PDB file of all heavy atoms in Angstrom:
ATOM      1  N   THR A   1      89.031-100.884 -38.604  1.00  0.00           N
ATOM      2  CA  THR A   1      89.397 -99.739 -39.434  1.00  0.00           C
ATOM      3  C   THR A   1      88.346 -98.658 -39.251  1.00  0.00           C
ATOM      4  O   THR A   1      87.144 -98.915 -39.388  1.00  0.00           O
ATOM      5  CB  THR A   1      89.477-100.121 -40.922  1.00  0.00           C
ATOM      6  OG1 THR A   1      90.436-101.174 -41.091  1.00  0.00           O
ATOM      7  CG2 THR A   1      89.893 -98.917 -41.766  1.00  0.00           C
ATOM      8  N   VAL A   2      88.798 -97.458 -38.934  1.00  0.00           N
ATOM      9  CA  VAL A   2      87.913 -96.300 -38.799  1.00  0.00           C
ATOM     10  C   VAL A   2      88.128 -95.406 -40.010  1.00  0.00           C
ATOM     11  O   VAL A   2      89.243 -94.936 -40.262  1.00  0.00           O
ATOM     12  CB  VAL A   2      88.193 -95.508 -37.511  1.00  0.00           C
ATOM     13  CG1 VAL A   2      87.255 -94.300 -37.410  1.00  0.00           C
ATOM     14  CG2 VAL A   2      88.045 -96.401 -36.285  1.00  0.00           C
ATOM     15  N   LEU A   3      87.079 -95.182 -40.769  1.00  0.00           N
ATOM     16  CA  LEU A   3      87.135 -94.294 -41.927  1.00  0.00           C
ATOM     17  C   LEU A   3      86.403 -93.010 -41.568  1.00  0.00           C
ATOM     18  O   LEU A   3      85.226 -93.045 -41.222  1.00  0.00           O
ATOM     19  CB  LEU A   3      86.481 -94.961 -43.135  1.00  0.00           C
ATOM     20  CG  LEU A   3      87.039 -96.342 -43.522  1.00  0.00           C
ATOM     21  CD1 LEU A   3      86.221 -96.939 -44.664  1.00  0.00           C
ATOM     22  CD2 LEU A   3      88.512 -96.246 -43.907  1.00  0.00           C
ATOM     23  N   TYR A   4      87.088 -91.892 -41.643  1.00  0.00           N
ATOM     24  CA  TYR A   4      86.465 -90.641 -41.224  1.00  0.00           C
ATOM     25  C   TYR A   4      86.944 -89.504 -42.116  1.00  0.00           C
ATOM     26  O   TYR A   4      88.046 -89.538 -42.673  1.00  0.00           O
ATOM     27  CB  TYR A   4      86.800 -90.346 -39.766  1.00  0.00           C
ATOM     28  CG  TYR A   4      88.247 -89.947 -39.535  1.00  0.00           C
ATOM     29  CD1 TYR A   4      88.592 -88.609 -39.338  1.00  0.00           C
ATOM     30  CD2 TYR A   4      89.264 -90.900 -39.532  1.00  0.00           C
ATOM     31  CE1 TYR A   4      89.905 -88.241 -39.136  1.00  0.00           C
ATOM     32  CE2 TYR A   4      90.585 -90.540 -39.336  1.00  0.00           C
ATOM     33  CZ  TYR A   4      90.911 -89.209 -39.145  1.00  0.00           C
ATOM     34  OH  TYR A   4      92.221 -88.846 -38.967  1.00  0.00           O
ATOM     35  N   GLN A   5      86.097 -88.501 -42.255  1.00  0.00           N
ATOM     36  CA  GLN A   5      86.452 -87.345 -43.063  1.00  0.00           C
ATOM     37  C   GLN A   5      86.991 -86.209 -42.211  1.00  0.00           C
ATOM     38  O   GLN A   5      87.929 -85.524 -42.580  1.00  0.00           O
ATOM     39  CB  GLN A   5      85.253 -86.875 -43.885  1.00  0.00           C
ATOM     40  CG  GLN A   5      85.629 -85.883 -44.971  1.00  0.00           C
ATOM     41  CD  GLN A   5      84.520 -85.712 -45.986  1.00  0.00           C
ATOM     42  OE1 GLN A   5      83.368 -86.031 -45.714  1.00  0.00           O
ATOM     43  NE2 GLN A   5      84.851 -85.219 -47.163  1.00  0.00           N
ATOM     44  N   ASP A   6      86.375 -86.011 -41.055  1.00  0.00           N
ATOM     45  CA  ASP A   6      86.842 -84.988 -40.126  1.00  0.00           C
ATOM     46  C   ASP A   6      86.299 -85.322 -38.743  1.00  0.00           C
ATOM     47  O   ASP A   6      85.732 -86.398 -38.538  1.00  0.00           O
ATOM     48  CB  ASP A   6      86.407 -83.579 -40.562  1.00  0.00           C
ATOM     49  CG  ASP A   6      84.899 -83.468 -40.806  1.00  0.00           C
ATOM     50  OD1 ASP A   6      84.127 -84.112 -40.065  1.00  0.00           O
ATOM     51  OD2 ASP A   6      84.503 -82.746 -41.733  1.00  0.00           O
ATOM     52  N   GLY A   7      86.455 -84.403 -37.827  1.00  0.00           N
ATOM     53  CA  GLY A   7      86.003 -84.650 -36.463  1.00  0.00           C
ATOM     54  C   GLY A   7      84.556 -84.318 -36.216  1.00  0.00           C
ATOM     55  O   GLY A   7      84.085 -84.394 -35.066  1.00  0.00           O
ATOM     56  N   GLY A   8      83.830 -83.953 -37.290  1.00  0.00           N
ATOM     57  CA  GLY A   8      82.419 -83.649 -37.131  1.00  0.00           C
ATOM     58  C   GLY A   8      82.194 -82.482 -36.190  1.00  0.00           C
ATOM     59  O   GLY A   8      83.030 -81.588 -36.037  1.00  0.00           O
ATOM     60  N   SER A   9      81.051 -82.487 -35.532  1.00  0.00           N
ATOM     61  CA  SER A   9      80.699 -81.369 -34.647  1.00  0.00           C
ATOM     62  C   SER A   9      81.627 -81.292 -33.430  1.00  0.00           C
ATOM     63  O   SER A   9      81.899 -80.203 -32.923  1.00  0.00           O
ATOM     64  CB  SER A   9      79.249 -81.491 -34.187  1.00  0.00           C
ATOM     65  OG  SER A   9      79.035 -82.721 -33.522  1.00  0.00           O
ATOM     66  N   LEU A  10      82.157 -82.431 -32.977  1.00  0.00           N
ATOM     67  CA  LEU A  10      83.056 -82.413 -31.823  1.00  0.00           C
ATOM     68  C   LEU A  10      84.320 -81.626 -32.143  1.00  0.00           C
ATOM     69  O   LEU A  10      84.799 -80.831 -31.329  1.00  0.00           O
ATOM     70  CB  LEU A  10      83.417 -83.839 -31.407  1.00  0.00           C
ATOM     71  CG  LEU A  10      84.402 -83.957 -30.233  1.00  0.00           C
ATOM     72  CD1 LEU A  10      83.817 -83.329 -28.973  1.00  0.00           C
ATOM     73  CD2 LEU A  10      84.777 -85.406 -29.976  1.00  0.00           C
ATOM     74  N   GLY A  11      84.876 -81.840 -33.341  1.00  0.00           N
ATOM     75  CA  GLY A  11      86.102 -81.146 -33.713  1.00  0.00           C
ATOM     76  C   GLY A  11      85.937 -79.643 -33.809  1.00  0.00           C
ATOM     77  O   GLY A  11      86.921 -78.898 -33.770  1.00  0.00           O
ATOM     78  N   LYS A  12      84.696 -79.166 -33.928  1.00  0.00           N
ATOM     79  CA  LYS A  12      84.428 -77.729 -34.050  1.00  0.00           C
ATOM     80  C   LYS A  12      84.002 -77.100 -32.725  1.00  0.00           C
ATOM     81  O   LYS A  12      83.762 -75.890 -32.657  1.00  0.00           O
ATOM     82  CB  LYS A  12      83.334 -77.490 -35.098  1.00  0.00           C
ATOM     83  CG  LYS A  12      83.680 -78.009 -36.483  1.00  0.00           C
ATOM     84  CD  LYS A  12      82.533 -77.760 -37.441  1.00  0.00           C
ATOM     85  CE  LYS A  12      82.842 -78.262 -38.849  1.00  0.00           C
ATOM     86  NZ  LYS A  12      82.877 -79.726 -38.916  1.00  0.00           N
ATOM     87  N   THR A  13      83.904 -77.911 -31.672  1.00  0.00           N
ATOM     88  CA  THR A  13      83.434 -77.408 -30.383  1.00  0.00           C
ATOM     89  C   THR A  13      84.555 -76.714 -29.626  1.00  0.00           C
ATOM     90  O   THR A  13      85.639 -77.279 -29.441  1.00  0.00           O
ATOM     91  CB  THR A  13      82.878 -78.567 -29.532  1.00  0.00           C
ATOM     92  OG1 THR A  13      81.834 -79.221 -30.253  1.00  0.00           O
ATOM     93  CG2 THR A  13      82.344 -78.056 -28.208  1.00  0.00           C
ATOM     94  N   ASP A  14      84.293 -75.486 -29.183  1.00  0.00           N
ATOM     95  CA  ASP A  14      85.332 -74.693 -28.531  1.00  0.00           C
ATOM     96  C   ASP A  14      85.638 -75.184 -27.125  1.00  0.00           C
ATOM     97  O   ASP A  14      86.795 -75.257 -26.716  1.00  0.00           O
ATOM     98  CB  ASP A  14      84.894 -73.225 -28.500  1.00  0.00           C
ATOM     99  CG  ASP A  14      85.915 -72.349 -27.791  1.00  0.00           C
ATOM    100  OD1 ASP A  14      87.072 -72.323 -28.242  1.00  0.00           O
ATOM    101  OD2 ASP A  14      85.553 -71.693 -26.790  1.00  0.00           O
ATOM    102  N   LYS A  15      84.607 -75.523 -26.363  1.00  0.00           N
ATOM    103  CA  LYS A  15      84.826 -75.869 -24.955  1.00  0.00           C
ATOM    104  C   LYS A  15      83.827 -76.933 -24.510  1.00  0.00           C
ATOM    105  O   LYS A  15      82.632 -76.828 -24.763  1.00  0.00           O
ATOM    106  CB  LYS A  15      84.671 -74.630 -24.079  1.00  0.00           C
ATOM    107  CG  LYS A  15      84.964 -74.850 -22.618  1.00  0.00           C
ATOM    108  CD  LYS A  15      84.660 -73.611 -21.804  1.00  0.00           C
ATOM    109  CE  LYS A  15      85.537 -72.443 -22.182  1.00  0.00           C
ATOM    110  NZ  LYS A  15      85.284 -71.268 -21.305  1.00  0.00           N
ATOM    111  N   ILE A  16      84.334 -77.966 -23.828  1.00  0.00           N
ATOM    112  CA  ILE A  16      83.493 -79.023 -23.251  1.00  0.00           C
ATOM    113  C   ILE A  16      83.767 -79.084 -21.753  1.00  0.00           C
ATOM    114  O   ILE A  16      84.916 -79.265 -21.342  1.00  0.00           O
ATOM    115  CB  ILE A  16      83.791 -80.388 -23.890  1.00  0.00           C
ATOM    116  CG1 ILE A  16      83.463 -80.357 -25.384  1.00  0.00           C
ATOM    117  CG2 ILE A  16      83.005 -81.501 -23.199  1.00  0.00           C
ATOM    118  CD1 ILE A  16      83.877 -81.611 -26.114  1.00  0.00           C
ATOM    119  N   GLU A  17      82.724 -78.930 -20.953  1.00  0.00           N
ATOM    120  CA  GLU A  17      82.929 -79.007 -19.505  1.00  0.00           C
ATOM    121  C   GLU A  17      81.895 -79.904 -18.827  1.00  0.00           C
ATOM    122  O   GLU A  17      81.808 -79.935 -17.609  1.00  0.00           O
ATOM    123  CB  GLU A  17      82.906 -77.610 -18.882  1.00  0.00           C
ATOM    124  CG  GLU A  17      81.620 -76.844 -19.078  1.00  0.00           C
ATOM    125  CD  GLU A  17      81.668 -75.458 -18.444  1.00  0.00           C
ATOM    126  OE1 GLU A  17      82.750 -75.079 -17.942  1.00  0.00           O
ATOM    127  OE2 GLU A  17      80.632 -74.783 -18.459  1.00  0.00           O
ATOM    128  N   ASN A  18      81.080 -80.626 -19.637  1.00  0.00           N
ATOM    129  CA  ASN A  18      80.059 -81.503 -19.048  1.00  0.00           C
ATOM    130  C   ASN A  18      80.320 -82.971 -19.347  1.00  0.00           C
ATOM    131  O   ASN A  18      79.408 -83.794 -19.267  1.00  0.00           O
ATOM    132  CB  ASN A  18      78.660 -81.105 -19.527  1.00  0.00           C
ATOM    133  CG  ASN A  18      78.503 -81.218 -21.040  1.00  0.00           C
ATOM    134  OD1 ASN A  18      79.484 -81.408 -21.755  1.00  0.00           O
ATOM    135  ND2 ASN A  18      77.277 -81.095 -21.523  1.00  0.00           N
ATOM    136  N   TYR A  19      81.577 -83.323 -19.690  1.00  0.00           N
ATOM    137  CA  TYR A  19      81.910 -84.721 -19.927  1.00  0.00           C
ATOM    138  C   TYR A  19      82.702 -85.254 -18.744  1.00  0.00           C
ATOM    139  O   TYR A  19      83.637 -84.603 -18.255  1.00  0.00           O
ATOM    140  CB  TYR A  19      82.702 -84.870 -21.235  1.00  0.00           C
ATOM    141  CG  TYR A  19      82.953 -86.315 -21.610  1.00  0.00           C
ATOM    142  CD1 TYR A  19      81.879 -87.164 -21.881  1.00  0.00           C
ATOM    143  CD2 TYR A  19      84.234 -86.830 -21.662  1.00  0.00           C
ATOM    144  CE1 TYR A  19      82.098 -88.489 -22.207  1.00  0.00           C
ATOM    145  CE2 TYR A  19      84.464 -88.156 -21.998  1.00  0.00           C
ATOM    146  CZ  TYR A  19      83.389 -88.980 -22.267  1.00  0.00           C
ATOM    147  OH  TYR A  19      83.604 -90.299 -22.584  1.00  0.00           O
ATOM    148  N   PHE A  20      82.354 -86.432 -18.307  1.00  0.00           N
ATOM    149  CA  PHE A  20      82.919 -87.011 -17.084  1.00  0.00           C
ATOM    150  C   PHE A  20      84.448 -87.124 -17.150  1.00  0.00           C
ATOM    151  O   PHE A  20      85.017 -87.521 -18.172  1.00  0.00           O
ATOM    152  CB  PHE A  20      82.313 -88.395 -16.856  1.00  0.00           C
ATOM    153  CG  PHE A  20      82.889 -89.134 -15.686  1.00  0.00           C
ATOM    154  CD1 PHE A  20      82.441 -88.877 -14.399  1.00  0.00           C
ATOM    155  CD2 PHE A  20      83.900 -90.062 -15.861  1.00  0.00           C
ATOM    156  CE1 PHE A  20      82.978 -89.554 -13.316  1.00  0.00           C
ATOM    157  CE2 PHE A  20      84.443 -90.742 -14.787  1.00  0.00           C
ATOM    158  CZ  PHE A  20      83.981 -90.481 -13.507  1.00  0.00           C
ATOM    159  N   GLY A  21      85.113 -86.795 -16.047  1.00  0.00           N
ATOM    160  CA  GLY A  21      86.520 -87.112 -15.880  1.00  0.00           C
ATOM    161  C   GLY A  21      87.497 -85.975 -16.092  1.00  0.00           C
ATOM    162  O   GLY A  21      88.710 -86.173 -15.919  1.00  0.00           O
ATOM    163  N   PHE A  22      87.022 -84.777 -16.458  1.00  0.00           N
ATOM    164  CA  PHE A  22      87.926 -83.661 -16.697  1.00  0.00           C
ATOM    165  C   PHE A  22      87.581 -82.521 -15.748  1.00  0.00           C
ATOM    166  O   PHE A  22      86.498 -81.941 -15.826  1.00  0.00           O
ATOM    167  CB  PHE A  22      87.841 -83.196 -18.157  1.00  0.00           C
ATOM    168  CG  PHE A  22      88.319 -84.227 -19.131  1.00  0.00           C
ATOM    169  CD1 PHE A  22      87.415 -85.107 -19.726  1.00  0.00           C
ATOM    170  CD2 PHE A  22      89.665 -84.344 -19.445  1.00  0.00           C
ATOM    171  CE1 PHE A  22      87.844 -86.074 -20.618  1.00  0.00           C
ATOM    172  CE2 PHE A  22      90.108 -85.306 -20.340  1.00  0.00           C
ATOM    173  CZ  PHE A  22      89.203 -86.173 -20.930  1.00  0.00           C
ATOM    174  N   ALA A  23      88.521 -82.191 -14.862  1.00  0.00           N
ATOM    175  CA  ALA A  23      88.273 -81.150 -13.869  1.00  0.00           C
ATOM    176  C   ALA A  23      88.144 -79.784 -14.529  1.00  0.00           C
ATOM    177  O   ALA A  23      87.386 -78.931 -14.066  1.00  0.00           O
ATOM    178  CB  ALA A  23      89.395 -81.126 -12.839  1.00  0.00           C
ATOM    179  N   GLU A  24      88.866 -79.579 -15.613  1.00  0.00           N
ATOM    180  CA  GLU A  24      88.840 -78.310 -16.330  1.00  0.00           C
ATOM    181  C   GLU A  24      88.281 -78.527 -17.736  1.00  0.00           C
ATOM    182  O   GLU A  24      88.437 -79.607 -18.316  1.00  0.00           O
ATOM    183  CB  GLU A  24      90.242 -77.705 -16.409  1.00  0.00           C
ATOM    184  CG  GLU A  24      90.864 -77.382 -15.066  1.00  0.00           C
ATOM    185  CD  GLU A  24      90.100 -76.305 -14.324  1.00  0.00           C
ATOM    186  OE1 GLU A  24      89.517 -75.426 -14.984  1.00  0.00           O
ATOM    187  OE2 GLU A  24      90.085 -76.345 -13.075  1.00  0.00           O
ATOM    188  N   PRO A  25      87.647 -77.512 -18.308  1.00  0.00           N
ATOM    189  CA  PRO A  25      87.133 -77.644 -19.671  1.00  0.00           C
ATOM    190  C   PRO A  25      88.258 -77.930 -20.662  1.00  0.00           C
ATOM    191  O   PRO A  25      89.412 -77.543 -20.442  1.00  0.00           O
ATOM    192  CB  PRO A  25      86.505 -76.269 -19.940  1.00  0.00           C
ATOM    193  CG  PRO A  25      86.267 -75.672 -18.599  1.00  0.00           C
ATOM    194  CD  PRO A  25      87.357 -76.199 -17.711  1.00  0.00           C
ATOM    195  N   LEU A  26      87.911 -78.603 -21.749  1.00  0.00           N
ATOM    196  CA  LEU A  26      88.864 -78.831 -22.826  1.00  0.00           C
ATOM    197  C   LEU A  26      88.136 -78.670 -24.155  1.00  0.00           C
ATOM    198  O   LEU A  26      86.902 -78.735 -24.210  1.00  0.00           O
ATOM    199  CB  LEU A  26      89.515 -80.207 -22.725  1.00  0.00           C
ATOM    200  CG  LEU A  26      88.726 -81.461 -23.133  1.00  0.00           C
ATOM    201  CD1 LEU A  26      89.673 -82.640 -23.271  1.00  0.00           C
ATOM    202  CD2 LEU A  26      87.635 -81.781 -22.145  1.00  0.00           C
ATOM    203  N   SER A  27      88.888 -78.428 -25.188  1.00  0.00           N
ATOM    204  CA  SER A  27      88.269 -78.229 -26.494  1.00  0.00           C
ATOM    205  C   SER A  27      87.858 -79.561 -27.097  1.00  0.00           C
ATOM    206  O   SER A  27      88.401 -80.630 -26.749  1.00  0.00           O
ATOM    207  CB  SER A  27      89.250 -77.527 -27.440  1.00  0.00           C
ATOM    208  OG  SER A  27      90.311 -78.391 -27.791  1.00  0.00           O
ATOM    209  N   GLY A  28      86.901 -79.502 -28.036  1.00  0.00           N
ATOM    210  CA  GLY A  28      86.500 -80.713 -28.734  1.00  0.00           C
ATOM    211  C   GLY A  28      87.651 -81.320 -29.512  1.00  0.00           C
ATOM    212  O   GLY A  28      87.790 -82.543 -29.572  1.00  0.00           O
ATOM    213  N   ALA A  29      88.490 -80.476 -30.107  1.00  0.00           N
ATOM    214  CA  ALA A  29      89.631 -80.972 -30.877  1.00  0.00           C
ATOM    215  C   ALA A  29      90.597 -81.753 -29.987  1.00  0.00           C
ATOM    216  O   ALA A  29      91.149 -82.782 -30.394  1.00  0.00           O
ATOM    217  CB  ALA A  29      90.353 -79.806 -31.549  1.00  0.00           C
ATOM    218  N   GLU A  30      90.792 -81.276 -28.759  1.00  0.00           N
ATOM    219  CA  GLU A  30      91.696 -81.977 -27.840  1.00  0.00           C
ATOM    220  C   GLU A  30      91.105 -83.322 -27.417  1.00  0.00           C
ATOM    221  O   GLU A  30      91.817 -84.339 -27.373  1.00  0.00           O
ATOM    222  CB  GLU A  30      91.961 -81.116 -26.598  1.00  0.00           C
ATOM    223  CG  GLU A  30      92.962 -81.752 -25.628  1.00  0.00           C
ATOM    224  CD  GLU A  30      93.221 -80.898 -24.401  1.00  0.00           C
ATOM    225  OE1 GLU A  30      92.662 -79.782 -24.318  1.00  0.00           O
ATOM    226  OE2 GLU A  30      93.979 -81.347 -23.523  1.00  0.00           O
ATOM    227  N   LEU A  31      89.825 -83.351 -27.095  1.00  0.00           N
ATOM    228  CA  LEU A  31      89.184 -84.610 -26.719  1.00  0.00           C
ATOM    229  C   LEU A  31      89.225 -85.594 -27.879  1.00  0.00           C
ATOM    230  O   LEU A  31      89.472 -86.791 -27.687  1.00  0.00           O
ATOM    231  CB  LEU A  31      87.736 -84.349 -26.293  1.00  0.00           C
ATOM    232  CG  LEU A  31      86.946 -85.565 -25.797  1.00  0.00           C
ATOM    233  CD1 LEU A  31      87.607 -86.196 -24.583  1.00  0.00           C
ATOM    234  CD2 LEU A  31      85.510 -85.158 -25.466  1.00  0.00           C
ATOM    235  N   LEU A  32      89.003 -85.088 -29.083  1.00  0.00           N
ATOM    236  CA  LEU A  32      89.061 -85.929 -30.272  1.00  0.00           C
ATOM    237  C   LEU A  32      90.453 -86.507 -30.463  1.00  0.00           C
ATOM    238  O   LEU A  32      90.616 -87.707 -30.746  1.00  0.00           O
ATOM    239  CB  LEU A  32      88.655 -85.104 -31.494  1.00  0.00           C
ATOM    240  CG  LEU A  32      88.461 -85.846 -32.814  1.00  0.00           C
ATOM    241  CD1 LEU A  32      87.239 -86.754 -32.727  1.00  0.00           C
ATOM    242  CD2 LEU A  32      88.287 -84.845 -33.947  1.00  0.00           C
ATOM    243  N   ALA A  33      91.485 -85.691 -30.306  1.00  0.00           N
ATOM    244  CA  ALA A  33      92.866 -86.154 -30.479  1.00  0.00           C
ATOM    245  C   ALA A  33      93.206 -87.242 -29.459  1.00  0.00           C
ATOM    246  O   ALA A  33      93.893 -88.226 -29.783  1.00  0.00           O
ATOM    247  CB  ALA A  33      93.826 -84.979 -30.344  1.00  0.00           C
ATOM    248  N   ARG A  34      92.719 -87.088 -28.230  1.00  0.00           N
ATOM    249  CA  ARG A  34      92.974 -88.105 -27.203  1.00  0.00           C
ATOM    250  C   ARG A  34      92.284 -89.420 -27.564  1.00  0.00           C
ATOM    251  O   ARG A  34      92.846 -90.503 -27.398  1.00  0.00           O
ATOM    252  CB  ARG A  34      92.479 -87.612 -25.846  1.00  0.00           C
ATOM    253  CG  ARG A  34      93.254 -86.439 -25.299  1.00  0.00           C
ATOM    254  CD  ARG A  34      92.837 -86.109 -23.870  1.00  0.00           C
ATOM    255  NE  ARG A  34      93.509 -84.922 -23.366  1.00  0.00           N
ATOM    256  CZ  ARG A  34      93.508 -84.563 -22.083  1.00  0.00           C
ATOM    257  NH1 ARG A  34      92.874 -85.300 -21.188  1.00  0.00           N
ATOM    258  NH2 ARG A  34      94.137 -83.466 -21.705  1.00  0.00           N
TER     259      ARG A  34
END
């Protein structure tokens, strides 16, 4: 069981381009949803 209030700092991040496996940048909210 995961108990969470929100996505924290990741959910507020506009663009991520230094995480392995994504050729194009994606938002923190999108990565969180995945």
